[in-house]
Amino acid sequence: MSYESHLVPPDRIADLLARAGLVVSARLVQEPGQAARRTVATFLAAKPE
């Protein structure tokens, strides 16, 4: 497993994952608020079998 952090809009990341042939099975987006100064998104993606 690997983890990377990017300052890219979540929709752009989702598009790049799909273009790479990966299937997004989960997407969590946290909007800015008291805990974070910018939008934070986490994706779970895998190669289709």
N, C-alpha and C. Protein backbone atom coordinates (compact mmCIF):
# COMPACT_ATOMS: atom_id res chain seq x y z
N MET A 1 0.85 -1.15 0.00
CA MET A 1 0.00 0.00 0.00
C MET A 1 0.90 1.22 0.00
N SER A 2 0.45 2.25 -0.70
CA SER A 2 1.20 3.50 -0.70
C SER A 2 0.25 4.66 -0.43
N TYR A 3 0.81 5.76 -0.04
CA TYR A 3 0.03 6.95 0.29
C TYR A 3 0.72 8.16 -0.31
N GLU A 4 -0.04 9.01 -0.99
CA GLU A 4 0.51 10.24 -1.55
C GLU A 4 -0.44 11.39 -1.26
N SER A 5 0.10 12.59 -1.19
CA SER A 5 -0.69 13.78 -0.93
C SER A 5 -0.47 14.77 -2.07
N HIS A 6 -1.58 15.34 -2.60
CA HIS A 6 -1.51 16.28 -3.72
C HIS A 6 -2.48 17.43 -3.48
N LEU A 7 -2.11 18.62 -3.93
CA LEU A 7 -3.01 19.78 -3.85
C LEU A 7 -3.72 19.93 -5.19
N VAL A 8 -4.58 18.99 -5.49
CA VAL A 8 -5.34 18.94 -6.74
C VAL A 8 -6.81 18.75 -6.38
N PRO A 9 -7.73 19.40 -7.09
CA PRO A 9 -9.15 19.23 -6.77
C PRO A 9 -9.58 17.75 -6.84
N PRO A 10 -10.45 17.32 -5.93
CA PRO A 10 -10.88 15.92 -5.89
C PRO A 10 -11.46 15.41 -7.22
N ASP A 11 -12.23 16.25 -7.91
CA ASP A 11 -12.81 15.81 -9.18
C ASP A 11 -11.72 15.52 -10.21
N ARG A 12 -10.65 16.30 -10.17
CA ARG A 12 -9.53 16.07 -11.10
C ARG A 12 -8.83 14.75 -10.79
N ILE A 13 -8.63 14.46 -9.51
CA ILE A 13 -8.01 13.19 -9.11
C ILE A 13 -8.88 12.02 -9.56
N ALA A 14 -10.19 12.12 -9.34
CA ALA A 14 -11.11 11.05 -9.75
C ALA A 14 -11.03 10.83 -11.26
N ASP A 15 -10.96 11.91 -12.02
CA ASP A 15 -10.85 11.80 -13.48
C ASP A 15 -9.54 11.13 -13.88
N LEU A 16 -8.44 11.51 -13.25
CA LEU A 16 -7.15 10.90 -13.57
C LEU A 16 -7.12 9.41 -13.23
N LEU A 17 -7.73 9.03 -12.11
CA LEU A 17 -7.80 7.62 -11.74
C LEU A 17 -8.58 6.83 -12.78
N ALA A 18 -9.72 7.37 -13.21
CA ALA A 18 -10.55 6.69 -14.22
C ALA A 18 -9.81 6.60 -15.55
N ARG A 19 -9.13 7.65 -15.95
CA ARG A 19 -8.37 7.62 -17.22
C ARG A 19 -7.23 6.61 -17.18
N ALA A 20 -6.72 6.35 -15.98
CA ALA A 20 -5.65 5.38 -15.81
C ALA A 20 -6.18 3.95 -15.78
N GLY A 21 -7.52 3.80 -15.86
CA GLY A 21 -8.11 2.47 -15.87
C GLY A 21 -8.42 1.91 -14.50
N LEU A 22 -8.34 2.75 -13.48
CA LEU A 22 -8.64 2.29 -12.12
C LEU A 22 -10.11 2.49 -11.80
N VAL A 23 -10.62 1.65 -10.93
CA VAL A 23 -12.01 1.74 -10.49
C VAL A 23 -12.02 2.32 -9.07
N VAL A 24 -12.71 3.44 -8.89
CA VAL A 24 -12.82 4.06 -7.57
C VAL A 24 -13.97 3.40 -6.84
N SER A 25 -13.65 2.77 -5.70
CA SER A 25 -14.69 2.09 -4.93
C SER A 25 -15.12 2.91 -3.71
N ALA A 26 -14.32 3.90 -3.33
CA ALA A 26 -14.70 4.76 -2.21
C ALA A 26 -14.07 6.14 -2.40
N ARG A 27 -14.82 7.15 -1.99
CA ARG A 27 -14.34 8.54 -2.09
C ARG A 27 -14.89 9.31 -0.89
N LEU A 28 -13.98 9.90 -0.12
CA LEU A 28 -14.36 10.69 1.05
C LEU A 28 -13.83 12.09 0.85
N VAL A 29 -14.72 13.08 0.86
CA VAL A 29 -14.31 14.47 0.67
C VAL A 29 -14.73 15.26 1.91
N GLN A 30 -13.75 15.93 2.53
CA GLN A 30 -14.01 16.77 3.69
C GLN A 30 -13.80 18.22 3.26
N GLU A 31 -14.82 19.02 3.39
CA GLU A 31 -14.75 20.43 3.02
C GLU A 31 -13.98 21.21 4.09
N PRO A 32 -13.43 22.37 3.72
CA PRO A 32 -12.70 23.17 4.70
C PRO A 32 -13.59 23.54 5.89
N GLY A 33 -12.98 23.58 7.03
CA GLY A 33 -13.71 23.93 8.26
C GLY A 33 -12.71 24.22 9.35
N GLN A 34 -13.09 23.98 10.57
CA GLN A 34 -12.21 24.26 11.70
C GLN A 34 -11.00 23.33 11.72
N ALA A 35 -11.17 22.10 11.31
CA ALA A 35 -10.08 21.11 11.37
C ALA A 35 -9.11 21.21 10.18
N ALA A 36 -9.56 21.73 9.07
CA ALA A 36 -8.71 21.80 7.87
C ALA A 36 -8.90 23.14 7.16
N ARG A 37 -7.83 23.63 6.55
CA ARG A 37 -7.90 24.91 5.84
C ARG A 37 -8.26 24.74 4.38
N ARG A 38 -8.19 23.52 3.86
CA ARG A 38 -8.52 23.27 2.46
C ARG A 38 -9.27 21.95 2.35
N THR A 39 -9.86 21.71 1.20
CA THR A 39 -10.59 20.46 0.96
C THR A 39 -9.61 19.29 1.02
N VAL A 40 -10.02 18.22 1.70
CA VAL A 40 -9.23 17.01 1.82
C VAL A 40 -10.04 15.87 1.22
N ALA A 41 -9.43 15.10 0.33
CA ALA A 41 -10.13 13.98 -0.29
C ALA A 41 -9.28 12.72 -0.19
N THR A 42 -9.93 11.60 0.05
CA THR A 42 -9.28 10.30 0.11
C THR A 42 -10.00 9.37 -0.84
N PHE A 43 -9.25 8.64 -1.63
CA PHE A 43 -9.82 7.71 -2.61
C PHE A 43 -9.31 6.31 -2.36
N LEU A 44 -10.16 5.33 -2.63
CA LEU A 44 -9.75 3.92 -2.66
C LEU A 44 -9.99 3.45 -4.08
N ALA A 45 -8.91 3.12 -4.78
CA ALA A 45 -9.01 2.74 -6.19
C ALA A 45 -8.15 1.51 -6.44
N ALA A 46 -8.58 0.69 -7.39
CA ALA A 46 -7.85 -0.53 -7.73
C ALA A 46 -7.99 -0.84 -9.20
N LYS A 47 -7.08 -1.65 -9.70
CA LYS A 47 -7.17 -2.14 -11.08
C LYS A 47 -8.34 -3.12 -11.15
N PRO A 48 -9.14 -3.07 -12.23
CA PRO A 48 -10.22 -4.05 -12.35
C PRO A 48 -9.62 -5.44 -12.58
N GLU A 49 -10.32 -6.44 -12.10
CA GLU A 49 -9.83 -7.82 -12.26
C GLU A 49 -10.12 -8.35 -13.63
